[in-house]
Amino acid sequence: MVFTRNILAAALAACVAMPVFASDIKVMDAYARSASPGAVTGAAFMHLTNTGAAEDRLIAVASPAAEKVELHTHEEDANGVMRMLHVEDGFALPAGQTLILERGGKHVMLMGLTAPLTQGEMVPFTLIFEQAGEIEIDVPVDLERKGGHSMGHGSDHGVSDEG
């Protein structure tokens, strides 16, 4: 049993480490999580790199894992309180740069989970871009990952220069 669990963990780690390429968009370090086993909401995080010469925009995300999937960010209000906001026009992804979707910042919000997010399972997502179109990915659930995992990239309001 321990041997099987170690093989599963190694396979999961390989999936997380392997980037997904579609047109000029590279998806890396994707994972999904919920705050607790009985949660009705969850979130997904990832790094999206635009290797092309033209700007693109992540305009929507779909997943059968939730009744509703939205792009969200956090903003501080006049009283210094952080609030989560739905970003209807999506996130810009300039040419040659990386959009970082991370905890406490820009992210994919899953509302009305159709089933609990279980450690190690894969969740299908469809990322929808203005230029690149639809990119289908499977995202591992990682309930153990701590916040602050951004692969060492600086976060310039969610966009970093990879150059």
N, C-alpha and C. Protein backbone atom coordinates (compact mmCIF):
# COMPACT_ATOMS: atom_id res chain seq x y z
N MET A 1 0.82 -1.20 0.00
CA MET A 1 0.00 0.00 0.00
C MET A 1 0.86 1.26 0.00
N VAL A 2 1.91 1.27 0.84
CA VAL A 2 2.80 2.43 0.89
C VAL A 2 3.51 2.59 -0.45
N PHE A 3 3.92 1.47 -1.04
CA PHE A 3 4.60 1.52 -2.34
C PHE A 3 3.67 2.12 -3.39
N THR A 4 2.40 1.71 -3.42
CA THR A 4 1.42 2.24 -4.37
C THR A 4 1.21 3.73 -4.14
N ARG A 5 1.13 4.15 -2.89
CA ARG A 5 0.94 5.56 -2.57
C ARG A 5 2.14 6.37 -3.04
N ASN A 6 3.37 5.83 -2.90
CA ASN A 6 4.57 6.53 -3.35
C ASN A 6 4.59 6.66 -4.87
N ILE A 7 4.14 5.63 -5.57
CA ILE A 7 4.06 5.70 -7.03
C ILE A 7 3.05 6.76 -7.45
N LEU A 8 1.88 6.78 -6.76
CA LEU A 8 0.87 7.79 -7.07
C LEU A 8 1.41 9.20 -6.80
N ALA A 9 2.12 9.38 -5.70
CA ALA A 9 2.69 10.70 -5.38
C ALA A 9 3.72 11.11 -6.43
N ALA A 10 4.54 10.17 -6.88
CA ALA A 10 5.54 10.48 -7.90
C ALA A 10 4.87 10.84 -9.23
N ALA A 11 3.81 10.11 -9.58
CA ALA A 11 3.09 10.40 -10.82
C ALA A 11 2.43 11.77 -10.74
N LEU A 12 1.85 12.10 -9.59
CA LEU A 12 1.23 13.41 -9.40
C LEU A 12 2.27 14.51 -9.52
N ALA A 13 3.43 14.32 -8.90
CA ALA A 13 4.50 15.32 -8.98
C ALA A 13 4.95 15.52 -10.42
N ALA A 14 5.02 14.46 -11.19
CA ALA A 14 5.42 14.57 -12.60
C ALA A 14 4.39 15.36 -13.39
N CYS A 15 3.10 15.13 -13.10
CA CYS A 15 2.05 15.88 -13.80
C CYS A 15 2.12 17.36 -13.48
N VAL A 16 2.38 17.67 -12.22
CA VAL A 16 2.45 19.07 -11.80
C VAL A 16 3.64 19.76 -12.45
N ALA A 17 4.76 19.05 -12.56
CA ALA A 17 5.98 19.65 -13.09
C ALA A 17 5.96 19.82 -14.59
N MET A 18 5.18 19.01 -15.29
CA MET A 18 5.19 19.06 -16.76
C MET A 18 4.29 20.18 -17.26
N PRO A 19 4.84 21.12 -18.01
CA PRO A 19 4.00 22.20 -18.54
C PRO A 19 3.12 21.71 -19.68
N VAL A 20 1.99 22.39 -19.87
CA VAL A 20 1.08 22.10 -20.97
C VAL A 20 1.28 23.20 -22.00
N PHE A 21 1.47 22.82 -23.27
CA PHE A 21 1.66 23.80 -24.32
C PHE A 21 0.47 23.76 -25.27
N ALA A 22 -0.06 24.88 -25.63
CA ALA A 22 -1.10 24.98 -26.64
C ALA A 22 -0.92 26.33 -27.30
N SER A 23 -0.76 26.32 -28.58
CA SER A 23 -0.47 27.54 -29.33
C SER A 23 0.67 28.28 -28.64
N ASP A 24 0.46 29.53 -28.26
CA ASP A 24 1.52 30.32 -27.64
C ASP A 24 1.38 30.41 -26.11
N ILE A 25 0.51 29.62 -25.52
CA ILE A 25 0.28 29.66 -24.09
C ILE A 25 0.88 28.41 -23.44
N LYS A 26 1.67 28.62 -22.39
CA LYS A 26 2.26 27.52 -21.62
C LYS A 26 1.66 27.58 -20.22
N VAL A 27 1.10 26.45 -19.75
CA VAL A 27 0.48 26.36 -18.44
C VAL A 27 1.41 25.54 -17.54
N MET A 28 1.79 26.11 -16.39
CA MET A 28 2.71 25.42 -15.48
C MET A 28 2.22 25.54 -14.04
N ASP A 29 2.69 24.63 -13.21
CA ASP A 29 2.51 24.67 -11.76
C ASP A 29 1.04 24.82 -11.36
N ALA A 30 0.14 24.14 -12.06
CA ALA A 30 -1.29 24.24 -11.77
C ALA A 30 -1.66 23.31 -10.62
N TYR A 31 -2.55 23.79 -9.76
CA TYR A 31 -3.14 22.95 -8.73
C TYR A 31 -4.46 23.56 -8.29
N ALA A 32 -5.32 22.70 -7.72
CA ALA A 32 -6.61 23.13 -7.22
C ALA A 32 -6.71 22.73 -5.76
N ARG A 33 -7.56 23.44 -5.02
CA ARG A 33 -7.74 23.11 -3.61
C ARG A 33 -9.06 23.69 -3.10
N SER A 34 -9.51 23.15 -1.98
CA SER A 34 -10.61 23.73 -1.24
C SER A 34 -10.12 23.91 0.20
N ALA A 35 -10.81 24.72 0.96
CA ALA A 35 -10.36 25.02 2.31
C ALA A 35 -10.58 23.86 3.28
N SER A 36 -11.59 23.02 3.00
CA SER A 36 -11.89 21.89 3.89
C SER A 36 -12.60 20.80 3.09
N PRO A 37 -12.66 19.59 3.62
CA PRO A 37 -13.30 18.49 2.88
C PRO A 37 -14.76 18.74 2.53
N GLY A 38 -15.51 19.45 3.35
CA GLY A 38 -16.92 19.69 3.07
C GLY A 38 -17.20 21.01 2.39
N ALA A 39 -16.18 21.70 1.94
CA ALA A 39 -16.35 23.04 1.34
C ALA A 39 -17.17 22.97 0.06
N VAL A 40 -17.95 24.01 -0.19
CA VAL A 40 -18.73 24.10 -1.44
C VAL A 40 -18.03 24.97 -2.47
N THR A 41 -16.89 25.55 -2.07
CA THR A 41 -16.10 26.34 -3.01
C THR A 41 -14.67 25.82 -3.02
N GLY A 42 -13.97 26.15 -4.09
CA GLY A 42 -12.57 25.80 -4.23
C GLY A 42 -11.92 26.82 -5.14
N ALA A 43 -10.65 26.61 -5.42
CA ALA A 43 -9.93 27.54 -6.29
C ALA A 43 -8.84 26.79 -7.03
N ALA A 44 -8.41 27.36 -8.14
CA ALA A 44 -7.30 26.80 -8.91
C ALA A 44 -6.29 27.91 -9.15
N PHE A 45 -5.03 27.48 -9.17
CA PHE A 45 -3.91 28.41 -9.30
C PHE A 45 -2.96 27.85 -10.34
N MET A 46 -2.26 28.73 -11.04
CA MET A 46 -1.33 28.28 -12.08
C MET A 46 -0.53 29.45 -12.61
N HIS A 47 0.47 29.14 -13.41
CA HIS A 47 1.26 30.14 -14.11
C HIS A 47 0.97 29.98 -15.59
N LEU A 48 0.61 31.07 -16.25
CA LEU A 48 0.31 31.07 -17.69
C LEU A 48 1.34 31.95 -18.38
N THR A 49 2.14 31.36 -19.26
CA THR A 49 3.15 32.13 -19.97
C THR A 49 2.76 32.27 -21.43
N ASN A 50 2.80 33.49 -21.92
CA ASN A 50 2.51 33.78 -23.31
C ASN A 50 3.85 33.83 -24.05
N THR A 51 4.16 32.79 -24.82
CA THR A 51 5.42 32.72 -25.57
C THR A 51 5.30 33.37 -26.94
N GLY A 52 4.13 33.86 -27.27
CA GLY A 52 3.91 34.47 -28.58
C GLY A 52 4.33 35.92 -28.65
N ALA A 53 4.11 36.51 -29.82
CA ALA A 53 4.50 37.89 -30.08
C ALA A 53 3.37 38.89 -29.84
N ALA A 54 2.15 38.38 -29.58
CA ALA A 54 1.00 39.26 -29.39
C ALA A 54 0.35 39.02 -28.03
N GLU A 55 -0.23 40.07 -27.48
CA GLU A 55 -0.94 39.95 -26.21
C GLU A 55 -2.15 39.04 -26.37
N ASP A 56 -2.48 38.34 -25.31
CA ASP A 56 -3.70 37.53 -25.27
C ASP A 56 -4.40 37.88 -23.97
N ARG A 57 -5.54 37.27 -23.73
CA ARG A 57 -6.31 37.54 -22.52
C ARG A 57 -7.05 36.27 -22.13
N LEU A 58 -6.91 35.87 -20.86
CA LEU A 58 -7.71 34.79 -20.31
C LEU A 58 -9.07 35.38 -19.99
N ILE A 59 -10.10 34.95 -20.72
CA ILE A 59 -11.41 35.58 -20.58
C ILE A 59 -12.42 34.74 -19.79
N ALA A 60 -12.17 33.43 -19.66
CA ALA A 60 -13.09 32.58 -18.91
C ALA A 60 -12.43 31.23 -18.64
N VAL A 61 -13.01 30.50 -17.70
CA VAL A 61 -12.58 29.15 -17.39
C VAL A 61 -13.84 28.34 -17.12
N ALA A 62 -13.85 27.08 -17.57
CA ALA A 62 -14.97 26.19 -17.32
C ALA A 62 -14.45 24.90 -16.70
N SER A 63 -15.29 24.26 -15.89
CA SER A 63 -14.94 22.97 -15.30
C SER A 63 -16.21 22.27 -14.84
N PRO A 64 -16.30 20.96 -15.09
CA PRO A 64 -17.45 20.21 -14.58
C PRO A 64 -17.37 20.01 -13.06
N ALA A 65 -16.30 20.44 -12.43
CA ALA A 65 -16.12 20.28 -10.98
C ALA A 65 -16.98 21.25 -10.17
N ALA A 66 -17.55 22.27 -10.83
CA ALA A 66 -18.34 23.27 -10.12
C ALA A 66 -19.51 23.76 -10.97
N GLU A 67 -20.54 24.20 -10.28
CA GLU A 67 -21.70 24.77 -10.98
C GLU A 67 -21.35 26.08 -11.65
N LYS A 68 -20.42 26.83 -11.05
CA LYS A 68 -20.03 28.13 -11.58
C LYS A 68 -18.53 28.31 -11.42
N VAL A 69 -17.86 28.79 -12.47
CA VAL A 69 -16.41 29.04 -12.44
C VAL A 69 -16.19 30.48 -12.89
N GLU A 70 -15.44 31.24 -12.08
CA GLU A 70 -15.19 32.64 -12.39
C GLU A 70 -13.72 32.98 -12.18
N LEU A 71 -13.29 34.03 -12.84
CA LEU A 71 -11.97 34.60 -12.60
C LEU A 71 -12.12 35.64 -11.50
N HIS A 72 -11.28 35.53 -10.48
CA HIS A 72 -11.38 36.44 -9.33
C HIS A 72 -10.03 37.08 -9.02
N THR A 73 -10.10 38.19 -8.30
CA THR A 73 -8.92 38.84 -7.75
C THR A 73 -9.28 39.39 -6.38
N HIS A 74 -8.31 39.89 -5.67
CA HIS A 74 -8.53 40.53 -4.38
C HIS A 74 -8.17 42.01 -4.52
N GLU A 75 -8.99 42.86 -3.90
CA GLU A 75 -8.71 44.29 -3.86
C GLU A 75 -8.97 44.80 -2.45
N GLU A 76 -8.18 45.78 -2.07
CA GLU A 76 -8.35 46.39 -0.76
C GLU A 76 -9.35 47.53 -0.87
N ASP A 77 -10.35 47.54 0.03
CA ASP A 77 -11.33 48.63 0.00
C ASP A 77 -10.82 49.84 0.80
N ALA A 78 -11.62 50.88 0.88
CA ALA A 78 -11.23 52.13 1.54
C ALA A 78 -10.92 51.92 3.03
N ASN A 79 -11.46 50.86 3.62
CA ASN A 79 -11.23 50.58 5.04
C ASN A 79 -10.07 49.62 5.27
N GLY A 80 -9.34 49.29 4.21
CA GLY A 80 -8.20 48.39 4.35
C GLY A 80 -8.57 46.91 4.40
N VAL A 81 -9.81 46.59 4.06
CA VAL A 81 -10.28 45.20 4.07
C VAL A 81 -10.14 44.61 2.67
N MET A 82 -9.51 43.42 2.59
CA MET A 82 -9.37 42.74 1.30
C MET A 82 -10.68 42.07 0.93
N ARG A 83 -11.12 42.27 -0.29
CA ARG A 83 -12.36 41.67 -0.79
C ARG A 83 -12.08 40.94 -2.11
N MET A 84 -12.76 39.80 -2.26
CA MET A 84 -12.64 39.05 -3.49
C MET A 84 -13.63 39.60 -4.51
N LEU A 85 -13.15 39.80 -5.75
CA LEU A 85 -13.99 40.36 -6.80
C LEU A 85 -13.96 39.49 -8.05
N HIS A 86 -15.12 39.36 -8.70
CA HIS A 86 -15.22 38.70 -9.98
C HIS A 86 -14.67 39.65 -11.04
N VAL A 87 -13.76 39.17 -11.89
CA VAL A 87 -13.16 39.99 -12.95
C VAL A 87 -13.80 39.57 -14.27
N GLU A 88 -14.83 40.31 -14.67
CA GLU A 88 -15.62 39.93 -15.84
C GLU A 88 -14.87 40.03 -17.16
N ASP A 89 -13.92 40.98 -17.27
CA ASP A 89 -13.21 41.13 -18.53
C ASP A 89 -11.95 40.27 -18.61
N GLY A 90 -11.68 39.47 -17.60
CA GLY A 90 -10.56 38.54 -17.65
C GLY A 90 -9.24 39.19 -17.29
N PHE A 91 -8.17 38.42 -17.54
CA PHE A 91 -6.82 38.87 -17.21
C PHE A 91 -5.97 38.99 -18.46
N ALA A 92 -5.32 40.15 -18.62
CA ALA A 92 -4.41 40.36 -19.75
C ALA A 92 -3.18 39.47 -19.60
N LEU A 93 -2.68 38.99 -20.71
CA LEU A 93 -1.47 38.18 -20.74
C LEU A 93 -0.57 38.72 -21.85
N PRO A 94 0.26 39.73 -21.50
CA PRO A 94 1.13 40.35 -22.51
C PRO A 94 2.11 39.35 -23.12
N ALA A 95 2.53 39.63 -24.34
CA ALA A 95 3.50 38.78 -25.03
C ALA A 95 4.78 38.67 -24.22
N GLY A 96 5.30 37.45 -24.11
CA GLY A 96 6.56 37.23 -23.43
C GLY A 96 6.50 37.32 -21.91
N GLN A 97 5.31 37.35 -21.34
CA GLN A 97 5.19 37.48 -19.89
C GLN A 97 4.38 36.33 -19.30
N THR A 98 4.41 36.26 -17.98
CA THR A 98 3.70 35.21 -17.25
C THR A 98 2.66 35.82 -16.34
N LEU A 99 1.46 35.31 -16.42
CA LEU A 99 0.37 35.67 -15.54
C LEU A 99 0.37 34.65 -14.41
N ILE A 100 0.47 35.12 -13.18
CA ILE A 100 0.53 34.23 -12.02
C ILE A 100 -0.81 34.26 -11.32
N LEU A 101 -1.49 33.12 -11.32
CA LEU A 101 -2.73 32.97 -10.58
C LEU A 101 -2.34 32.28 -9.29
N GLU A 102 -2.50 32.99 -8.15
CA GLU A 102 -1.99 32.48 -6.89
C GLU A 102 -2.93 32.83 -5.74
N ARG A 103 -2.75 32.14 -4.64
CA ARG A 103 -3.54 32.38 -3.45
C ARG A 103 -3.32 33.81 -2.97
N GLY A 104 -4.43 34.49 -2.65
CA GLY A 104 -4.35 35.87 -2.19
C GLY A 104 -4.28 36.88 -3.32
N GLY A 105 -4.35 36.41 -4.57
CA GLY A 105 -4.27 37.28 -5.74
C GLY A 105 -5.27 36.84 -6.79
N LYS A 106 -4.88 36.94 -8.02
CA LYS A 106 -5.72 36.49 -9.12
C LYS A 106 -5.81 34.97 -9.07
N HIS A 107 -7.01 34.42 -9.33
CA HIS A 107 -7.20 32.98 -9.27
C HIS A 107 -8.49 32.57 -10.00
N VAL A 108 -8.66 31.27 -10.15
CA VAL A 108 -9.89 30.71 -10.71
C VAL A 108 -10.73 30.25 -9.52
N MET A 109 -11.97 30.74 -9.42
CA MET A 109 -12.85 30.41 -8.30
C MET A 109 -13.88 29.38 -8.74
N LEU A 110 -13.99 28.31 -7.96
CA LEU A 110 -14.97 27.25 -8.20
C LEU A 110 -16.08 27.39 -7.17
N MET A 111 -17.31 27.63 -7.63
CA MET A 111 -18.44 27.82 -6.71
C MET A 111 -19.49 26.75 -6.96
N GLY A 112 -19.97 26.15 -5.89
CA GLY A 112 -20.93 25.07 -6.01
C GLY A 112 -20.25 23.80 -6.50
N LEU A 113 -19.25 23.34 -5.76
CA LEU A 113 -18.52 22.13 -6.15
C LEU A 113 -19.50 20.98 -6.35
N THR A 114 -19.33 20.23 -7.43
CA THR A 114 -20.21 19.10 -7.72
C THR A 114 -19.81 17.86 -6.92
N ALA A 115 -18.60 17.85 -6.38
CA ALA A 115 -18.09 16.79 -5.51
C ALA A 115 -16.92 17.37 -4.74
N PRO A 116 -16.59 16.80 -3.60
CA PRO A 116 -15.44 17.32 -2.85
C PRO A 116 -14.15 17.21 -3.67
N LEU A 117 -13.25 18.16 -3.49
CA LEU A 117 -11.93 18.09 -4.11
C LEU A 117 -11.08 17.17 -3.24
N THR A 118 -10.64 16.06 -3.80
CA THR A 118 -9.92 15.03 -3.05
C THR A 118 -8.45 15.04 -3.42
N GLN A 119 -7.60 15.03 -2.39
CA GLN A 119 -6.15 15.05 -2.58
C GLN A 119 -5.73 14.04 -3.65
N GLY A 120 -4.96 14.52 -4.64
CA GLY A 120 -4.39 13.66 -5.66
C GLY A 120 -5.25 13.43 -6.89
N GLU A 121 -6.55 13.74 -6.82
CA GLU A 121 -7.37 13.54 -8.01
C GLU A 121 -7.10 14.64 -9.03
N MET A 122 -7.48 14.39 -10.27
CA MET A 122 -7.30 15.37 -11.34
C MET A 122 -8.65 16.01 -11.67
N VAL A 123 -8.65 17.32 -11.88
CA VAL A 123 -9.87 18.07 -12.20
C VAL A 123 -9.71 18.67 -13.59
N PRO A 124 -10.65 18.39 -14.50
CA PRO A 124 -10.55 18.97 -15.84
C PRO A 124 -10.97 20.45 -15.84
N PHE A 125 -10.22 21.25 -16.57
CA PHE A 125 -10.51 22.67 -16.77
C PHE A 125 -10.38 23.00 -18.25
N THR A 126 -11.18 23.95 -18.70
CA THR A 126 -11.02 24.53 -20.03
C THR A 126 -10.72 26.00 -19.84
N LEU A 127 -9.50 26.40 -20.22
CA LEU A 127 -9.11 27.81 -20.17
C LEU A 127 -9.51 28.43 -21.49
N ILE A 128 -10.14 29.59 -21.48
CA ILE A 128 -10.62 30.22 -22.70
C ILE A 128 -9.91 31.56 -22.87
N PHE A 129 -9.17 31.67 -23.97
CA PHE A 129 -8.39 32.87 -24.29
C PHE A 129 -8.98 33.58 -25.50
N GLU A 130 -8.80 34.88 -25.57
CA GLU A 130 -9.26 35.65 -26.73
C GLU A 130 -8.61 35.18 -28.02
N GLN A 131 -7.29 35.00 -28.01
CA GLN A 131 -6.55 34.64 -29.22
C GLN A 131 -6.29 33.13 -29.33
N ALA A 132 -5.84 32.52 -28.27
CA ALA A 132 -5.45 31.10 -28.30
C ALA A 132 -6.66 30.17 -28.30
N GLY A 133 -7.83 30.68 -27.96
CA GLY A 133 -9.02 29.84 -27.91
C GLY A 133 -9.05 28.99 -26.65
N GLU A 134 -9.57 27.78 -26.78
CA GLU A 134 -9.74 26.90 -25.62
C GLU A 134 -8.54 25.99 -25.43
N ILE A 135 -8.10 25.88 -24.19
CA ILE A 135 -7.01 24.98 -23.82
C ILE A 135 -7.55 24.09 -22.70
N GLU A 136 -7.57 22.79 -22.95
CA GLU A 136 -8.05 21.84 -21.94
C GLU A 136 -6.87 21.30 -21.15
N ILE A 137 -7.01 21.34 -19.81
CA ILE A 137 -5.96 20.84 -18.94
C ILE A 137 -6.58 20.02 -17.81
N ASP A 138 -5.80 19.13 -17.25
CA ASP A 138 -6.18 18.40 -16.04
C ASP A 138 -5.31 18.94 -14.92
N VAL A 139 -5.94 19.37 -13.84
CA VAL A 139 -5.25 20.02 -12.74
C VAL A 139 -5.31 19.12 -11.51
N PRO A 140 -4.15 18.83 -10.89
CA PRO A 140 -4.17 17.99 -9.69
C PRO A 140 -4.69 18.76 -8.48
N VAL A 141 -5.42 18.05 -7.63
CA VAL A 141 -5.86 18.62 -6.36
C VAL A 141 -4.72 18.45 -5.37
N ASP A 142 -4.32 19.56 -4.75
CA ASP A 142 -3.25 19.53 -3.76
C ASP A 142 -3.73 20.29 -2.53
N LEU A 143 -4.30 19.55 -1.59
CA LEU A 143 -4.83 20.16 -0.37
C LEU A 143 -3.75 20.42 0.66
N GLU A 144 -2.56 19.90 0.42
CA GLU A 144 -1.47 20.04 1.38
C GLU A 144 -0.54 21.20 1.09
N ARG A 145 -0.60 21.73 -0.12
CA ARG A 145 0.31 22.81 -0.51
C ARG A 145 0.03 24.06 0.31
N LYS A 146 1.08 24.65 0.77
CA LYS A 146 0.97 25.90 1.54
C LYS A 146 0.97 27.07 0.56
N GLY A 147 0.51 28.23 1.01
CA GLY A 147 0.50 29.42 0.17
C GLY A 147 1.91 29.90 -0.13
N GLY A 148 2.03 30.79 -1.10
CA GLY A 148 3.32 31.38 -1.40
C GLY A 148 4.16 30.60 -2.38
N HIS A 149 3.61 29.55 -2.99
CA HIS A 149 4.36 28.79 -3.99
C HIS A 149 4.21 29.46 -5.35
N SER A 150 5.17 30.29 -5.71
CA SER A 150 5.10 30.92 -7.03
C SER A 150 6.39 30.68 -7.79
N MET A 151 7.01 29.54 -7.56
CA MET A 151 8.19 29.10 -8.30
C MET A 151 9.29 30.15 -8.33
N GLY A 152 9.33 31.03 -7.33
CA GLY A 152 10.40 32.00 -7.27
C GLY A 152 10.21 33.22 -8.15
N HIS A 153 9.10 33.29 -8.88
CA HIS A 153 8.85 34.46 -9.73
C HIS A 153 8.29 35.59 -8.89
N GLY A 154 8.70 36.79 -9.18
CA GLY A 154 8.10 37.94 -8.52
C GLY A 154 6.70 38.14 -9.04
N SER A 155 5.85 38.73 -8.25
CA SER A 155 4.47 38.96 -8.66
C SER A 155 4.27 40.45 -8.85
N ASP A 156 4.21 40.88 -10.08
CA ASP A 156 3.98 42.29 -10.40
C ASP A 156 2.50 42.42 -10.73
N HIS A 157 1.68 42.43 -9.68
CA HIS A 157 0.23 42.45 -9.82
C HIS A 157 -0.23 41.28 -10.69
N GLY A 158 0.42 40.14 -10.53
CA GLY A 158 -0.01 38.95 -11.23
C GLY A 158 0.67 38.74 -12.57
N VAL A 159 1.48 39.66 -13.02
CA VAL A 159 2.18 39.48 -14.29
C VAL A 159 3.66 39.67 -14.03
N SER A 160 4.47 38.71 -14.46
CA SER A 160 5.92 38.86 -14.30
C SER A 160 6.58 38.74 -15.66
N ASP A 161 7.71 39.38 -15.79
CA ASP A 161 8.47 39.35 -17.03
C ASP A 161 9.42 38.17 -16.96
N GLU A 162 9.32 37.26 -17.90
CA GLU A 162 10.14 36.06 -17.89
C GLU A 162 11.51 36.28 -18.54
N GLY A 163 11.68 37.38 -19.21
CA GLY A 163 12.88 37.65 -19.98
C GLY A 163 14.10 37.71 -19.22
